[in-house]
Amino acid sequence: MSRRQVVSIIMFSYFTIFSASIGASEIHKYEESTARLIAPERGFYKYFHQNEYGFPEYIDLVHNRDFTWVRKSGFSLVAARISLEKYRYSDISEEFLKQLDEGFRAIRAGGVKVVLRFNYNNGNTPGADTSLPWMLRHIMQLRGVLNANADVIAVVQAGFIGAWGEWHSSTHGLDNSEARRAVLEALLDSLPRERSVQLRTPQYKENIYGPPLLEAKAYTNSHTSRTGHHNDCIFASENDLTYPLGKIAYYTEYVAQDSLFVPMGGETCKKYPPRTNCAVAQSVLKQLHYSYLNNNYLQEVIDNWRSEGCYEEIDTHLGYRLVVREAIFDKTTKVGSVLNIEALLENTGWAPPFNPRRVIVTLESLNGVLVKSELTPDARRLQPGKTTKLGATIRLPQDMKSGEYTIYLSAPDSDPKLHNRYEYAIPFANIDYQLTEARLPLGQVTIVGR
């Protein structure tokens, strides 16, 4: 039995003014689900897994060819740090690029996405990188494989410069705004405009682009609107080993504002009570609109969240969690007319979706006839803690067959390679959500002939 309520009403809004409805409109209400969701581009991510010998095996896109274990473990994200250490002063080999492309194919086959970073060291030779001309050349060489596989790239961390690719301790004097800007914008220009790049500290973004984003300048495909944040030592100290001691509050507010419109994620690196305790951790993650966190590091912090009882709460609220509260549409309308639909979606998560995502309404008859339309606005506008009204006008074809149609709501990945794969659709947190079909039934409408 469907877990929804239906209330018939007469609508004196644009529903009756612009549609050819011949019956009352209805408000349909939908029941929220509390089930854990494996949703794309959000949540805890995997950085390694235990191999058959019990040792950690790190994500390696150049050599790993099986990522099916990630979803089986209950996750949708992995993080991969790709070392270019062998190519500090030479071109990246075609063989390496081919292997990297095969790694992305394996990511796609596994039904997950990746948080990506390139660097020249992983702390084994602290700060060792290469010259700026070589970095820019390497980014240009990577352009083809990045564009070909952008569908499974959740976000790219700026990388390249300094220790771990975290933009400090460069052995080639690149710890300055000019070099950082050159690397950032080369990387942004080498990615499709639908993808963003994250910086290790907000000071870097402020030095390059100035104040945090306001809504009017969000999602414009400008460089600043595609530049987000990652913090790889959150909660490790009073300043997270990230902010200047005298400006902790200032940069916290900077990130809190900016992360309403750009991706935010990271990892813990040190147990530091009380900041690593549940109460503070949840408050900060919510304030800074975290979409993802490392599930493997620091294990001591993750284990502490489990023992204090907040791990599941964090797991549930990282990123978005979209609940369809209600929808309004006519019970009956005519072929050749328009059907107006409104849906109210609440985002109970801590962040909005950060990549472009269309919400689709579909009319489907028993004989398989489909009529589709996009709702507006884009799902990125679904702000955390708020309920947003989305609307669509479906123009019904003149030759449309009369009969009863079911209305479905879905949020598939827009890339053609992933569009029909349920693993990449945003699942709505509703009881009646159909997982493998990646859709929520909203109710029925009867279409009659003229």
Protein backbone atom coordinates (compact mmCIF):
# COMPACT_ATOMS: atom_id res chain seq x y z
CA MET A 1 0.00 0.00 0.00
CA SER A 2 1.30 3.45 -0.90
CA ARG A 3 2.49 5.49 2.09
CA ARG A 4 1.03 8.82 1.05
CA GLN A 5 -1.98 11.00 1.73
CA VAL A 6 -4.15 12.72 -0.87
CA VAL A 7 -6.21 15.84 -0.23
CA SER A 8 -8.51 17.15 -2.98
CA ILE A 9 -8.68 20.92 -3.39
CA ILE A 10 -9.88 23.44 -5.92
CA MET A 11 -6.91 25.51 -7.08
CA PHE A 12 -7.39 29.18 -8.02
CA SER A 13 -3.75 29.64 -9.05
CA TYR A 14 -1.91 29.18 -12.30
CA PHE A 15 -2.88 25.51 -12.19
CA THR A 16 -6.42 26.37 -13.31
CA ILE A 17 -5.54 29.48 -15.26
CA PHE A 18 -3.06 27.88 -17.66
CA SER A 19 -4.08 24.25 -17.68
CA ALA A 20 -7.11 22.62 -19.17
CA SER A 21 -7.96 20.73 -16.02
CA ILE A 22 -11.45 19.36 -15.79
CA GLY A 23 -11.28 18.30 -12.16
CA ALA A 24 -9.98 19.35 -8.80
CA SER A 25 -6.27 19.54 -8.09
CA GLU A 26 -4.85 17.38 -5.35
CA ILE A 27 -2.23 17.80 -2.68
CA HIS A 28 -0.34 14.54 -2.27
CA LYS A 29 1.74 14.07 0.87
CA TYR A 30 4.56 11.52 1.15
CA GLU A 31 6.04 9.67 4.09
CA GLU A 32 9.68 10.17 4.99
CA SER A 33 12.02 7.20 5.25
CA THR A 34 14.68 6.94 7.96
CA ALA A 35 16.59 4.24 6.07
CA ARG A 36 20.29 4.70 5.39
CA LEU A 37 20.86 5.82 1.81
CA ILE A 38 23.84 5.20 -0.43
CA ALA A 39 23.70 8.39 -2.46
CA PRO A 40 26.14 9.77 -5.05
CA GLU A 41 28.67 12.50 -4.28
CA ARG A 42 28.11 12.55 -0.53
CA GLY A 43 28.79 10.71 2.73
CA PHE A 44 31.79 8.94 4.16
CA TYR A 45 34.31 7.88 1.54
CA LYS A 46 36.78 5.03 1.38
CA TYR A 47 40.49 5.75 1.10
CA PHE A 48 41.61 2.15 1.45
CA HIS A 49 40.26 -1.29 2.31
CA GLN A 50 41.72 -4.34 3.97
CA ASN A 51 43.19 -6.82 1.52
CA GLU A 52 43.10 -10.59 1.92
CA TYR A 53 46.13 -10.43 4.22
CA GLY A 54 44.56 -7.84 6.52
CA PHE A 55 46.72 -4.93 5.34
CA PRO A 56 45.38 -1.61 4.03
CA GLU A 57 45.25 -1.39 0.25
CA TYR A 58 44.98 2.22 -0.87
CA ILE A 59 42.78 3.36 -3.74
CA ASP A 60 44.97 3.28 -6.84
CA LEU A 61 43.35 4.29 -10.12
CA VAL A 62 46.45 3.38 -12.07
CA HIS A 63 46.44 -0.27 -10.98
CA ASN A 64 43.16 -1.14 -9.18
CA ARG A 65 40.50 -2.64 -11.45
CA ASP A 66 37.77 -3.64 -9.02
CA PHE A 67 35.74 -1.11 -7.05
CA THR A 68 32.58 -3.17 -6.64
CA TRP A 69 33.50 -3.67 -2.98
CA VAL A 70 32.84 0.02 -2.27
CA ARG A 71 29.07 -0.08 -2.78
CA LYS A 72 28.91 -3.52 -1.22
CA SER A 73 30.47 -1.91 1.87
CA GLY A 74 27.76 0.77 1.85
CA PHE A 75 29.64 3.72 0.31
CA SER A 76 29.38 5.72 -2.91
CA LEU A 77 32.68 7.63 -2.84
CA VAL A 78 36.38 6.85 -2.91
CA ALA A 79 39.35 9.20 -2.75
CA ALA A 80 42.37 8.66 -4.99
CA ARG A 81 45.70 10.42 -4.77
CA ILE A 82 47.58 9.92 -8.00
CA SER A 83 51.34 10.28 -7.78
CA LEU A 84 53.21 11.90 -10.66
CA GLU A 85 56.53 11.43 -8.87
CA LYS A 86 58.01 9.52 -11.83
CA TYR A 87 57.25 12.43 -14.15
CA ARG A 88 58.60 15.43 -12.24
CA TYR A 89 60.79 16.49 -15.15
CA SER A 90 59.28 14.61 -18.08
CA ASP A 91 56.04 14.15 -19.94
CA ILE A 92 53.45 11.78 -18.52
CA SER A 93 53.66 8.57 -20.52
CA GLU A 94 50.83 7.44 -22.79
CA GLU A 95 50.85 4.13 -20.94
CA PHE A 96 50.22 5.91 -17.64
CA LEU A 97 47.32 7.88 -19.13
CA LYS A 98 45.86 4.67 -20.56
CA GLN A 99 46.11 2.95 -17.19
CA LEU A 100 44.46 5.94 -15.52
CA ASP A 101 41.61 5.82 -18.03
CA GLU A 102 41.13 2.12 -17.30
CA GLY A 103 40.98 2.96 -13.60
CA PHE A 104 38.15 5.40 -14.24
CA ARG A 105 36.34 2.69 -16.20
CA ALA A 106 36.62 0.44 -13.17
CA ILE A 107 35.22 3.22 -10.97
CA ARG A 108 32.25 3.47 -13.35
CA ALA A 109 31.76 -0.29 -13.38
CA GLY A 110 31.72 -0.22 -9.58
CA GLY A 111 28.90 2.33 -9.47
CA VAL A 112 30.83 4.92 -7.46
CA LYS A 113 32.55 8.29 -7.92
CA VAL A 114 35.97 9.58 -6.96
CA VAL A 115 37.46 12.57 -5.13
CA LEU A 116 40.64 13.12 -7.12
CA ARG A 117 44.02 14.63 -6.34
CA PHE A 118 47.32 14.65 -8.21
CA ASN A 119 50.62 15.21 -6.41
CA TYR A 120 54.33 14.55 -6.69
CA ASN A 121 54.78 13.10 -3.20
CA ASN A 122 52.75 11.54 -0.43
CA GLY A 123 54.91 12.74 2.41
CA ASN A 124 57.76 10.37 1.59
CA THR A 125 59.80 13.33 0.31
CA PRO A 126 58.07 16.25 2.06
CA GLY A 127 57.27 19.10 -0.29
CA ALA A 128 59.09 17.65 -3.29
CA ASP A 129 57.24 18.78 -6.40
CA THR A 130 58.29 20.20 -9.78
CA SER A 131 58.53 23.54 -11.55
CA LEU A 132 55.45 25.51 -12.54
CA PRO A 133 55.97 24.97 -16.30
CA TRP A 134 56.07 21.21 -15.78
CA MET A 135 52.95 21.32 -13.60
CA LEU A 136 51.03 23.24 -16.22
CA ARG A 137 52.21 20.86 -18.93
CA HIS A 138 51.14 17.85 -16.87
CA ILE A 139 47.70 19.38 -16.30
CA MET A 140 47.35 19.90 -20.05
CA GLN A 141 48.33 16.27 -20.66
CA LEU A 142 45.70 15.11 -18.19
CA ARG A 143 42.96 17.16 -19.82
CA GLY A 144 41.78 14.40 -22.17
CA VAL A 145 41.40 11.69 -19.55
CA LEU A 146 39.75 14.09 -17.09
CA ASN A 147 37.15 15.22 -19.61
CA ALA A 148 36.48 11.70 -20.81
CA ASN A 149 35.79 10.55 -17.26
CA ALA A 150 34.29 13.63 -15.63
CA ASP A 151 31.04 11.72 -15.15
CA VAL A 152 32.61 9.68 -12.33
CA ILE A 153 34.70 12.51 -10.87
CA ALA A 154 32.81 13.98 -7.91
CA VAL A 155 35.31 16.78 -7.38
CA VAL A 156 39.03 17.46 -7.87
CA GLN A 157 41.32 18.70 -5.11
CA ALA A 158 43.83 21.24 -6.41
CA GLY A 159 46.92 19.20 -5.54
CA PHE A 160 50.21 19.34 -7.48
CA ILE A 161 52.01 21.93 -5.30
CA GLY A 162 54.06 20.95 -2.24
CA ALA A 163 53.67 18.26 0.42
CA TRP A 164 50.86 15.82 -0.40
CA GLY A 165 49.68 18.35 -3.00
CA GLU A 166 48.31 20.51 -0.18
CA TRP A 167 49.89 23.76 -1.39
CA HIS A 168 52.63 24.21 1.20
CA SER A 169 56.34 23.38 1.56
CA SER A 170 57.00 23.50 -2.19
CA THR A 171 60.59 22.66 -3.12
CA HIS A 172 60.27 24.86 -6.21
CA GLY A 173 59.18 28.11 -4.57
CA LEU A 174 55.52 27.79 -5.53
CA ASP A 175 54.09 28.83 -2.15
CA ASN A 176 52.73 32.08 -3.57
CA SER A 177 49.42 33.32 -4.95
CA GLU A 178 50.65 33.69 -8.53
CA ALA A 179 51.75 30.06 -8.84
CA ARG A 180 48.72 28.79 -6.97
CA ARG A 181 46.36 30.74 -9.20
CA ALA A 182 48.09 29.44 -12.32
CA VAL A 183 47.70 25.82 -11.20
CA LEU A 184 44.11 26.30 -10.03
CA GLU A 185 42.91 27.96 -13.21
CA ALA A 186 44.77 25.55 -15.47
CA LEU A 187 43.02 22.73 -13.65
CA LEU A 188 39.61 24.44 -13.79
CA ASP A 189 40.07 25.06 -17.51
CA SER A 190 41.04 21.42 -18.05
CA LEU A 191 37.81 20.17 -16.49
CA PRO A 192 34.27 20.46 -17.81
CA ARG A 193 32.53 23.52 -16.40
CA GLU A 194 30.24 21.19 -14.43
CA ARG A 195 33.10 20.19 -12.13
CA SER A 196 34.78 22.04 -9.27
CA VAL A 197 38.24 22.19 -7.70
CA GLN A 198 38.81 22.34 -3.94
CA LEU A 199 41.54 24.24 -2.09
CA ARG A 200 43.19 23.17 1.16
CA THR A 201 42.53 26.43 3.06
CA PRO A 202 40.07 29.31 2.56
CA GLN A 203 42.97 31.75 2.71
CA TYR A 204 44.06 30.49 -0.71
CA LYS A 205 40.68 31.22 -2.26
CA GLU A 206 40.39 34.61 -0.60
CA ASN A 207 43.84 35.62 -1.84
CA ILE A 208 42.89 34.69 -5.40
CA TYR A 209 39.19 35.56 -5.66
CA GLY A 210 38.28 37.65 -2.62
CA PRO A 211 35.04 37.36 -0.61
CA PRO A 212 32.92 34.21 -0.33
CA LEU A 213 30.15 33.61 -2.82
CA LEU A 214 26.70 35.09 -2.54
CA GLU A 215 23.76 33.37 -4.19
CA ALA A 216 23.64 35.82 -7.10
CA LYS A 217 27.10 34.70 -8.26
CA ALA A 218 26.68 30.99 -7.55
CA TYR A 219 26.54 28.38 -10.31
CA THR A 220 27.64 30.84 -13.01
CA ASN A 221 30.52 28.60 -14.17
CA SER A 222 33.02 31.31 -13.24
CA HIS A 223 36.29 30.20 -11.69
CA THR A 224 35.31 31.41 -8.24
CA SER A 225 31.91 29.68 -8.40
CA ARG A 226 33.73 26.41 -9.17
CA THR A 227 36.31 26.70 -6.39
CA GLY A 228 35.49 24.89 -3.15
CA HIS A 229 37.26 23.73 0.00
CA HIS A 230 38.72 20.66 1.67
CA ASN A 231 40.16 20.43 5.17
CA ASP A 232 42.43 17.47 5.78
CA CYS A 233 42.91 18.14 9.49
CA ILE A 234 39.50 19.19 10.73
CA PHE A 235 39.16 19.16 14.54
CA ALA A 236 42.92 18.57 15.01
CA SER A 237 43.37 21.78 17.02
CA GLU A 238 41.56 25.00 17.84
CA ASN A 239 42.36 26.25 14.34
CA ASP A 240 42.14 22.84 12.60
CA LEU A 241 45.80 23.28 11.62
CA THR A 242 44.29 25.41 8.87
CA TYR A 243 43.24 28.93 9.91
CA PRO A 244 45.51 31.74 11.22
CA LEU A 245 45.13 31.78 15.01
CA GLY A 246 43.91 35.37 15.07
CA LYS A 247 41.30 34.81 12.35
CA ILE A 248 39.65 31.49 13.22
CA ALA A 249 36.15 32.97 13.45
CA TYR A 250 36.63 35.02 10.29
CA TYR A 251 37.64 32.10 8.10
CA THR A 252 35.08 29.79 9.69
CA GLU A 253 32.39 32.24 8.59
CA TYR A 254 34.03 32.53 5.18
CA VAL A 255 33.75 28.78 4.62
CA ALA A 256 30.26 28.62 6.14
CA GLN A 257 29.02 31.13 3.56
CA ASP A 258 31.01 29.85 0.58
CA SER A 259 30.13 26.19 1.16
CA LEU A 260 26.45 26.93 0.60
CA PHE A 261 27.38 27.00 -3.09
CA VAL A 262 30.64 25.06 -3.50
CA PRO A 263 31.76 21.59 -2.33
CA MET A 264 33.25 21.09 1.14
CA GLY A 265 34.86 17.89 2.43
CA GLY A 266 37.95 16.46 4.07
CA GLU A 267 39.28 14.21 6.78
CA THR A 268 40.37 14.17 10.41
CA CYS A 269 44.03 13.75 11.30
CA LYS A 270 44.28 13.90 15.11
CA LYS A 271 42.12 13.18 18.13
CA TYR A 272 41.73 16.46 19.96
CA PRO A 273 38.93 16.55 22.56
CA PRO A 274 36.61 18.30 22.87
CA ARG A 275 36.66 19.28 19.18
CA THR A 276 36.68 15.66 18.07
CA ASN A 277 33.83 14.80 20.44
CA CYS A 278 30.36 14.30 18.99
CA ALA A 279 28.70 17.52 20.10
CA VAL A 280 31.33 19.84 18.61
CA ALA A 281 31.98 17.69 15.55
CA GLN A 282 28.34 17.57 14.50
CA SER A 283 27.90 21.29 15.05
CA VAL A 284 30.94 22.21 12.95
CA LEU A 285 30.19 19.76 10.13
CA LYS A 286 26.69 21.20 9.89
CA GLN A 287 27.89 24.80 10.06
CA LEU A 288 30.46 24.27 7.29
CA HIS A 289 28.14 22.20 5.09
CA TYR A 290 30.33 19.12 4.79
CA SER A 291 29.43 16.79 1.94
CA TYR A 292 32.03 14.09 2.54
CA LEU A 293 34.57 12.78 5.07
CA ASN A 294 37.24 10.09 5.10
CA ASN A 295 35.91 6.88 6.68
CA ASN A 296 39.41 5.41 7.12
CA TYR A 297 41.33 8.27 8.65
CA LEU A 298 41.81 9.08 11.41
CA GLN A 299 40.40 5.78 12.63
CA GLU A 300 40.74 6.83 16.26
CA VAL A 301 38.38 9.76 15.65
CA ILE A 302 35.91 7.64 13.67
CA ASP A 303 35.92 5.01 16.42
CA ASN A 304 35.30 7.72 19.01
CA TRP A 305 32.22 8.87 17.10
CA ARG A 306 30.96 5.31 17.09
CA SER A 307 31.52 4.90 20.82
CA GLU A 308 29.87 8.25 21.63
CA GLY A 309 26.93 7.34 19.40
CA CYS A 310 27.01 10.00 16.68
CA TYR A 311 28.61 8.14 13.78
CA GLU A 312 25.26 7.21 12.24
CA GLU A 313 23.98 10.76 12.65
CA ILE A 314 27.01 12.11 10.80
CA ASP A 315 26.73 9.39 8.17
CA THR A 316 23.08 10.32 7.57
CA HIS A 317 23.56 14.09 7.33
CA LEU A 318 26.82 14.55 5.41
CA GLY A 319 25.87 16.24 2.15
CA TYR A 320 22.26 16.28 1.05
CA ARG A 321 19.27 14.18 2.10
CA LEU A 322 16.19 15.03 0.06
CA VAL A 323 12.68 14.31 1.30
CA VAL A 324 9.69 14.87 -0.97
CA ARG A 325 7.06 16.35 1.34
CA GLU A 326 4.20 16.97 -1.06
CA ALA A 327 3.17 17.50 -4.67
CA ILE A 328 0.24 19.33 -6.22
CA PHE A 329 -1.27 18.49 -9.61
CA ASP A 330 -4.65 18.06 -11.30
CA LYS A 331 -6.50 14.76 -11.08
CA THR A 332 -7.73 15.03 -14.67
CA THR A 333 -6.67 17.03 -17.72
CA LYS A 334 -6.97 16.95 -21.52
CA VAL A 335 -4.62 15.95 -24.31
CA GLY A 336 -2.98 18.93 -25.98
CA SER A 337 -3.12 20.99 -22.80
CA VAL A 338 -0.53 21.55 -20.09
CA LEU A 339 -0.20 19.86 -16.72
CA ASN A 340 1.37 21.97 -13.99
CA ILE A 341 3.12 20.22 -11.14
CA GLU A 342 4.63 21.58 -7.95
CA ALA A 343 6.71 19.54 -5.53
CA LEU A 344 8.01 20.54 -2.10
CA LEU A 345 11.41 19.04 -1.27
CA GLU A 346 13.12 19.38 2.09
CA ASN A 347 16.87 18.96 2.38
CA THR A 348 17.47 17.49 5.84
CA GLY A 349 21.19 17.07 5.17
CA TRP A 350 24.00 19.49 5.97
CA ALA A 351 24.84 20.59 2.41
CA PRO A 352 23.21 20.99 -0.99
CA PRO A 353 24.16 18.76 -3.92
CA PHE A 354 27.26 20.41 -5.38
CA ASN A 355 27.23 19.18 -8.99
CA PRO A 356 24.52 20.07 -11.53
CA ARG A 357 21.49 17.84 -11.07
CA ARG A 358 18.09 18.07 -12.76
CA VAL A 359 14.92 16.85 -11.09
CA ILE A 360 12.67 15.13 -13.62
CA VAL A 361 8.92 14.51 -13.61
CA THR A 362 7.67 11.69 -15.83
CA LEU A 363 4.18 10.61 -16.86
CA GLU A 364 4.02 6.90 -17.64
CA SER A 365 1.03 4.89 -18.83
CA LEU A 366 0.46 1.17 -18.46
CA ASN A 367 1.42 0.68 -22.11
CA GLY A 368 4.74 2.44 -21.60
CA VAL A 369 4.00 5.87 -23.04
CA LEU A 370 6.32 8.45 -21.46
CA VAL A 371 6.13 12.23 -21.21
CA LYS A 372 8.96 14.01 -19.36
CA SER A 373 9.75 17.50 -18.13
CA GLU A 374 12.35 19.15 -15.91
CA LEU A 375 11.45 20.84 -12.66
CA THR A 376 13.13 24.06 -11.68
CA PRO A 377 15.26 25.06 -9.95
CA ASP A 378 18.31 22.79 -10.26
CA ALA A 379 18.81 20.50 -7.24
CA ARG A 380 21.86 22.53 -6.18
CA ARG A 381 19.40 25.18 -5.02
CA LEU A 382 18.00 22.80 -2.38
CA GLN A 383 19.63 24.43 0.61
CA PRO A 384 20.23 22.44 3.82
CA GLY A 385 17.56 22.73 6.47
CA LYS A 386 15.08 24.29 4.07
CA THR A 387 12.03 23.24 2.06
CA THR A 388 12.09 24.37 -1.57
CA LYS A 389 9.27 24.51 -4.10
CA LEU A 390 10.07 23.02 -7.51
CA GLY A 391 7.75 23.41 -10.48
CA ALA A 392 7.25 22.09 -13.98
CA THR A 393 4.82 22.60 -16.84
CA ILE A 394 4.31 19.47 -18.92
CA ARG A 395 2.96 20.09 -22.41
CA LEU A 396 0.80 17.12 -23.34
CA PRO A 397 1.05 16.13 -27.03
CA GLN A 398 -2.05 16.45 -29.22
CA ASP A 399 -1.73 12.80 -30.21
CA MET A 400 -1.24 11.56 -26.66
CA LYS A 401 -3.34 8.53 -25.81
CA SER A 402 -6.01 9.07 -23.19
CA GLY A 403 -5.97 6.99 -20.04
CA GLU A 404 -4.46 6.87 -16.57
CA TYR A 405 -0.84 7.89 -16.11
CA THR A 406 1.41 7.54 -13.07
CA ILE A 407 3.55 10.56 -12.24
CA TYR A 408 7.11 9.82 -11.10
CA LEU A 409 9.82 12.06 -9.67
CA SER A 410 13.50 11.27 -10.26
CA ALA A 411 16.92 12.91 -10.10
CA PRO A 412 19.20 10.94 -12.45
CA ASP A 413 22.78 11.78 -13.31
CA SER A 414 22.75 14.07 -16.34
CA ASP A 415 25.69 12.37 -18.05
CA PRO A 416 24.52 9.98 -20.81
CA LYS A 417 26.87 7.25 -19.55
CA LEU A 418 25.21 7.28 -16.12
CA HIS A 419 21.72 8.60 -16.81
CA ASN A 420 20.02 5.21 -16.68
CA ARG A 421 22.02 3.77 -13.78
CA TYR A 422 20.17 3.83 -10.49
CA GLU A 423 23.41 3.92 -8.47
CA TYR A 424 24.07 7.44 -9.76
CA ALA A 425 20.57 8.84 -9.20
CA ILE A 426 19.82 10.86 -6.08
CA PRO A 427 17.56 8.63 -3.96
CA PHE A 428 14.72 10.43 -2.23
CA ALA A 429 14.36 9.69 1.48
CA ASN A 430 10.77 8.50 1.12
CA ILE A 431 9.13 5.19 2.00
CA ASP A 432 7.82 4.60 -1.54
CA TYR A 433 11.07 5.38 -3.37
CA GLN A 434 11.78 2.66 -5.94
CA LEU A 435 15.53 2.10 -5.71
CA THR A 436 16.34 0.12 -8.85
CA GLU A 437 13.97 2.24 -10.95
CA ALA A 438 15.41 5.36 -9.28
CA ARG A 439 12.06 7.10 -8.93
CA LEU A 440 9.30 8.08 -6.52
CA PRO A 441 5.65 7.62 -7.58
CA LEU A 442 3.73 10.82 -6.88
CA GLY A 443 0.25 9.67 -7.86
CA GLN A 444 -2.01 9.29 -10.89
CA VAL A 445 -3.52 11.68 -13.39
CA THR A 446 -6.23 10.87 -15.91
CA ILE A 447 -5.73 12.21 -19.44
CA VAL A 448 -8.88 12.49 -21.53
CA GLY A 449 -9.48 13.33 -25.19
CA ARG A 450 -10.76 16.72 -26.28
